Amino acid sequence: MNKNVRAVRELSNLAILFDEMACRMSSTEFTHFVQEHDRLEQLNGIQLIEVKKHE
């Protein structure tokens, strides 16, 4: 399998996992998660995924 296709598939799977996790988190847990996510993005100089809380 092409490395790019594999990378896109893995990123898609991560996005689904993060979405499922976010739905189960309390507001406090989600805020902490977003802050840590943003810190890692800044540290690495990349945008990993867009994180949003579904109501």
PDB file of N, CA and C in Angstrom:
ATOM      1  N   MET A   1       0.852  -1.182   0.000  1.00  0.00           N
ATOM      2  CA  MET A   1       0.000   0.000   0.000  1.00  0.00           C
ATOM      3  C   MET A   1       0.898   1.246   0.000  1.00  0.00           C
ATOM      4  N   ASN A   2       0.507   2.230  -0.747  1.00  0.00           N
ATOM      5  CA  ASN A   2       1.231   3.492  -0.822  1.00  0.00           C
ATOM      6  C   ASN A   2       1.328   4.127   0.573  1.00  0.00           C
ATOM      7  N   LYS A   3       2.512   4.669   0.913  1.00  0.00           N
ATOM      8  CA  LYS A   3       2.705   5.270   2.241  1.00  0.00           C
ATOM      9  C   LYS A   3       1.754   6.429   2.491  1.00  0.00           C
ATOM     10  N   ASN A   4       1.475   7.224   1.463  1.00  0.00           N
ATOM     11  CA  ASN A   4       0.552   8.355   1.635  1.00  0.00           C
ATOM     12  C   ASN A   4      -0.857   7.878   1.942  1.00  0.00           C
ATOM     13  N   VAL A   5      -1.283   6.832   1.260  1.00  0.00           N
ATOM     14  CA  VAL A   5      -2.623   6.281   1.505  1.00  0.00           C
ATOM     15  C   VAL A   5      -2.698   5.736   2.923  1.00  0.00           C
ATOM     16  N   ARG A   6      -1.664   5.056   3.351  1.00  0.00           N
ATOM     17  CA  ARG A   6      -1.630   4.504   4.709  1.00  0.00           C
ATOM     18  C   ARG A   6      -1.663   5.629   5.744  1.00  0.00           C
ATOM     19  N   ALA A   7      -0.900   6.692   5.509  1.00  0.00           N
ATOM     20  CA  ALA A   7      -0.868   7.819   6.443  1.00  0.00           C
ATOM     21  C   ALA A   7      -2.234   8.486   6.541  1.00  0.00           C
ATOM     22  N   VAL A   8      -2.890   8.681   5.407  1.00  0.00           N
ATOM     23  CA  VAL A   8      -4.222   9.298   5.410  1.00  0.00           C
ATOM     24  C   VAL A   8      -5.212   8.405   6.148  1.00  0.00           C
ATOM     25  N   ARG A   9      -5.139   7.117   5.930  1.00  0.00           N
ATOM     26  CA  ARG A   9      -6.037   6.177   6.613  1.00  0.00           C
ATOM     27  C   ARG A   9      -5.803   6.213   8.125  1.00  0.00           C
ATOM     28  N   GLU A  10      -4.544   6.233   8.538  1.00  0.00           N
ATOM     29  CA  GLU A  10      -4.234   6.273   9.965  1.00  0.00           C
ATOM     30  C   GLU A  10      -4.694   7.585  10.596  1.00  0.00           C
ATOM     31  N   LEU A  11      -4.512   8.706   9.898  1.00  0.00           N
ATOM     32  CA  LEU A  11      -4.992   9.989  10.411  1.00  0.00           C
ATOM     33  C   LEU A  11      -6.510  10.008  10.521  1.00  0.00           C
ATOM     34  N   SER A  12      -7.182   9.404   9.559  1.00  0.00           N
ATOM     35  CA  SER A  12      -8.637   9.320   9.598  1.00  0.00           C
ATOM     36  C   SER A  12      -9.091   8.495  10.801  1.00  0.00           C
ATOM     37  N   ASN A  13      -8.415   7.380  11.035  1.00  0.00           N
ATOM     38  CA  ASN A  13      -8.751   6.542  12.190  1.00  0.00           C
ATOM     39  C   ASN A  13      -8.524   7.287  13.499  1.00  0.00           C
ATOM     40  N   LEU A  14      -7.444   8.066  13.575  1.00  0.00           N
ATOM     41  CA  LEU A  14      -7.182   8.864  14.776  1.00  0.00           C
ATOM     42  C   LEU A  14      -8.259   9.919  14.978  1.00  0.00           C
ATOM     43  N   ALA A  15      -8.675  10.560  13.903  1.00  0.00           N
ATOM     44  CA  ALA A  15      -9.719  11.583  14.001  1.00  0.00           C
ATOM     45  C   ALA A  15     -11.014  10.976  14.529  1.00  0.00           C
ATOM     46  N   ILE A  16     -11.355   9.780  14.063  1.00  0.00           N
ATOM     47  CA  ILE A  16     -12.564   9.096  14.537  1.00  0.00           C
ATOM     48  C   ILE A  16     -12.426   8.762  16.018  1.00  0.00           C
ATOM     49  N   LEU A  17     -11.264   8.257  16.416  1.00  0.00           N
ATOM     50  CA  LEU A  17     -11.023   7.922  17.817  1.00  0.00           C
ATOM     51  C   LEU A  17     -11.130   9.157  18.705  1.00  0.00           C
ATOM     52  N   PHE A  18     -10.493  10.268  18.302  1.00  0.00           N
ATOM     53  CA  PHE A  18     -10.558  11.491  19.091  1.00  0.00           C
ATOM     54  C   PHE A  18     -11.986  12.010  19.179  1.00  0.00           C
ATOM     55  N   ASP A  19     -12.748  11.892  18.096  1.00  0.00           N
ATOM     56  CA  ASP A  19     -14.140  12.337  18.102  1.00  0.00           C
ATOM     57  C   ASP A  19     -14.948  11.525  19.107  1.00  0.00           C
ATOM     58  N   GLU A  20     -14.744  10.204  19.109  1.00  0.00           N
ATOM     59  CA  GLU A  20     -15.456   9.336  20.051  1.00  0.00           C
ATOM     60  C   GLU A  20     -15.061   9.650  21.492  1.00  0.00           C
ATOM     61  N   MET A  21     -13.772   9.890  21.716  1.00  0.00           N
ATOM     62  CA  MET A  21     -13.303  10.236  23.059  1.00  0.00           C
ATOM     63  C   MET A  21     -13.904  11.557  23.520  1.00  0.00           C
ATOM     64  N   ALA A  22     -13.939  12.542  22.633  1.00  0.00           N
ATOM     65  CA  ALA A  22     -14.457  13.863  22.983  1.00  0.00           C
ATOM     66  C   ALA A  22     -15.924  13.787  23.398  1.00  0.00           C
ATOM     67  N   CYS A  23     -16.681  12.927  22.761  1.00  0.00           N
ATOM     68  CA  CYS A  23     -18.104  12.784  23.084  1.00  0.00           C
ATOM     69  C   CYS A  23     -18.307  12.243  24.497  1.00  0.00           C
ATOM     70  N   ARG A  24     -17.337  11.494  25.006  1.00  0.00           N
ATOM     71  CA  ARG A  24     -17.463  10.872  26.326  1.00  0.00           C
ATOM     72  C   ARG A  24     -16.876  11.724  27.449  1.00  0.00           C
ATOM     73  N   MET A  25     -16.183  12.799  27.106  1.00  0.00           N
ATOM     74  CA  MET A  25     -15.497  13.613  28.108  1.00  0.00           C
ATOM     75  C   MET A  25     -16.425  14.656  28.717  1.00  0.00           C
ATOM     76  N   SER A  26     -16.153  14.966  29.983  1.00  0.00           N
ATOM     77  CA  SER A  26     -16.828  16.108  30.603  1.00  0.00           C
ATOM     78  C   SER A  26     -16.223  17.383  30.021  1.00  0.00           C
ATOM     79  N   SER A  27     -16.828  18.511  30.308  1.00  0.00           N
ATOM     80  CA  SER A  27     -16.308  19.791  29.800  1.00  0.00           C
ATOM     81  C   SER A  27     -14.892  20.051  30.295  1.00  0.00           C
ATOM     82  N   THR A  28     -14.623  19.741  31.559  1.00  0.00           N
ATOM     83  CA  THR A  28     -13.289  19.950  32.128  1.00  0.00           C
ATOM     84  C   THR A  28     -12.263  19.051  31.455  1.00  0.00           C
ATOM     85  N   GLU A  29     -12.600  17.782  31.277  1.00  0.00           N
ATOM     86  CA  GLU A  29     -11.685  16.848  30.608  1.00  0.00           C
ATOM     87  C   GLU A  29     -11.421  17.281  29.174  1.00  0.00           C
ATOM     88  N   PHE A  30     -12.473  17.719  28.490  1.00  0.00           N
ATOM     89  CA  PHE A  30     -12.316  18.132  27.100  1.00  0.00           C
ATOM     90  C   PHE A  30     -11.426  19.370  26.999  1.00  0.00           C
ATOM     91  N   THR A  31     -11.630  20.335  27.893  1.00  0.00           N
ATOM     92  CA  THR A  31     -10.797  21.543  27.894  1.00  0.00           C
ATOM     93  C   THR A  31      -9.333  21.180  28.098  1.00  0.00           C
ATOM     94  N   HIS A  32      -9.057  20.286  29.043  1.00  0.00           N
ATOM     95  CA  HIS A  32      -7.674  19.845  29.283  1.00  0.00           C
ATOM     96  C   HIS A  32      -7.112  19.147  28.046  1.00  0.00           C
ATOM     97  N   PHE A  33      -7.919  18.307  27.421  1.00  0.00           N
ATOM     98  CA  PHE A  33      -7.501  17.589  26.216  1.00  0.00           C
ATOM     99  C   PHE A  33      -7.145  18.567  25.095  1.00  0.00           C
ATOM    100  N   VAL A  34      -7.991  19.579  24.887  1.00  0.00           N
ATOM    101  CA  VAL A  34      -7.748  20.563  23.831  1.00  0.00           C
ATOM    102  C   VAL A  34      -6.479  21.362  24.127  1.00  0.00           C
ATOM    103  N   GLN A  35      -6.283  21.740  25.378  1.00  0.00           N
ATOM    104  CA  GLN A  35      -5.076  22.487  25.741  1.00  0.00           C
ATOM    105  C   GLN A  35      -3.821  21.654  25.483  1.00  0.00           C
ATOM    106  N   GLU A  36      -3.861  20.383  25.844  1.00  0.00           N
ATOM    107  CA  GLU A  36      -2.708  19.502  25.609  1.00  0.00           C
ATOM    108  C   GLU A  36      -2.496  19.282  24.113  1.00  0.00           C
ATOM    109  N   HIS A  37      -3.580  19.113  23.377  1.00  0.00           N
ATOM    110  CA  HIS A  37      -3.522  18.947  21.924  1.00  0.00           C
ATOM    111  C   HIS A  37      -2.867  20.167  21.280  1.00  0.00           C
ATOM    112  N   ASP A  38      -3.305  21.363  21.691  1.00  0.00           N
ATOM    113  CA  ASP A  38      -2.744  22.604  21.148  1.00  0.00           C
ATOM    114  C   ASP A  38      -1.265  22.743  21.497  1.00  0.00           C
ATOM    115  N   ARG A  39      -0.900  22.349  22.726  1.00  0.00           N
ATOM    116  CA  ARG A  39       0.501  22.421  23.150  1.00  0.00           C
ATOM    117  C   ARG A  39       1.373  21.520  22.277  1.00  0.00           C
ATOM    118  N   LEU A  40       0.901  20.312  21.997  1.00  0.00           N
ATOM    119  CA  LEU A  40       1.661  19.384  21.154  1.00  0.00           C
ATOM    120  C   LEU A  40       1.784  19.902  19.726  1.00  0.00           C
ATOM    121  N   GLU A  41       0.715  20.508  19.219  1.00  0.00           N
ATOM    122  CA  GLU A  41       0.778  21.091  17.875  1.00  0.00           C
ATOM    123  C   GLU A  41       1.828  22.197  17.810  1.00  0.00           C
ATOM    124  N   GLN A  42       1.823  23.074  18.804  1.00  0.00           N
ATOM    125  CA  GLN A  42       2.792  24.173  18.824  1.00  0.00           C
ATOM    126  C   GLN A  42       4.211  23.639  18.968  1.00  0.00           C
ATOM    127  N   LEU A  43       4.391  22.656  19.816  1.00  0.00           N
ATOM    128  CA  LEU A  43       5.702  22.065  20.042  1.00  0.00           C
ATOM    129  C   LEU A  43       6.261  21.458  18.762  1.00  0.00           C
ATOM    130  N   ASN A  44       5.391  20.804  17.996  1.00  0.00           N
ATOM    131  CA  ASN A  44       5.820  20.122  16.780  1.00  0.00           C
ATOM    132  C   ASN A  44       5.688  20.974  15.522  1.00  0.00           C
ATOM    133  N   GLY A  45       5.033  22.133  15.638  1.00  0.00           N
ATOM    134  CA  GLY A  45       4.887  23.021  14.493  1.00  0.00           C
ATOM    135  C   GLY A  45       3.972  22.491  13.405  1.00  0.00           C
ATOM    136  N   ILE A  46       2.997  21.653  13.794  1.00  0.00           N
ATOM    137  CA  ILE A  46       2.056  21.097  12.818  1.00  0.00           C
ATOM    138  C   ILE A  46       0.647  21.126  13.399  1.00  0.00           C
ATOM    139  N   GLN A  47      -0.341  21.052  12.512  1.00  0.00           N
ATOM    140  CA  GLN A  47      -1.717  20.881  12.964  1.00  0.00           C
ATOM    141  C   GLN A  47      -2.059  19.416  12.812  1.00  0.00           C
ATOM    142  N   LEU A  48      -2.419  18.780  13.920  1.00  0.00           N
ATOM    143  CA  LEU A  48      -2.725  17.356  13.896  1.00  0.00           C
ATOM    144  C   LEU A  48      -4.123  17.120  13.346  1.00  0.00           C
ATOM    145  N   ILE A  49      -5.109  17.544  14.095  1.00  0.00           N
ATOM    146  CA  ILE A  49      -6.505  17.430  13.666  1.00  0.00           C
ATOM    147  C   ILE A  49      -7.272  18.602  14.269  1.00  0.00           C
ATOM    148  N   GLU A  50      -8.418  18.894  13.716  1.00  0.00           N
ATOM    149  CA  GLU A  50      -9.307  19.905  14.283  1.00  0.00           C
ATOM    150  C   GLU A  50     -10.137  19.217  15.354  1.00  0.00           C
ATOM    151  N   VAL A  51     -10.132  19.773  16.561  1.00  0.00           N
ATOM    152  CA  VAL A  51     -10.849  19.165  17.677  1.00  0.00           C
ATOM    153  C   VAL A  51     -12.045  20.032  18.016  1.00  0.00           C
ATOM    154  N   LYS A  52     -13.238  19.428  17.993  1.00  0.00           N
ATOM    155  CA  LYS A  52     -14.465  20.154  18.316  1.00  0.00           C
ATOM    156  C   LYS A  52     -15.311  19.294  19.232  1.00  0.00           C
ATOM    157  N   LYS A  53     -16.024  19.938  20.132  1.00  0.00           N
ATOM    158  CA  LYS A  53     -16.935  19.242  21.039  1.00  0.00           C
ATOM    159  C   LYS A  53     -18.320  19.230  20.414  1.00  0.00           C
ATOM    160  N   HIS A  54     -18.898  18.045  20.263  1.00  0.00           N
ATOM    161  CA  HIS A  54     -20.267  17.919  19.760  1.00  0.00           C
ATOM    162  C   HIS A  54     -21.217  17.995  20.938  1.00  0.00           C
ATOM    163  N   GLU A  55     -22.225  18.789  20.809  1.00  0.00           N
ATOM    164  CA  GLU A  55     -23.219  18.933  21.889  1.00  0.00           C
ATOM    165  C   GLU A  55     -24.397  18.044  21.627  1.00  0.00           C
TER     166      GLU A  55
END
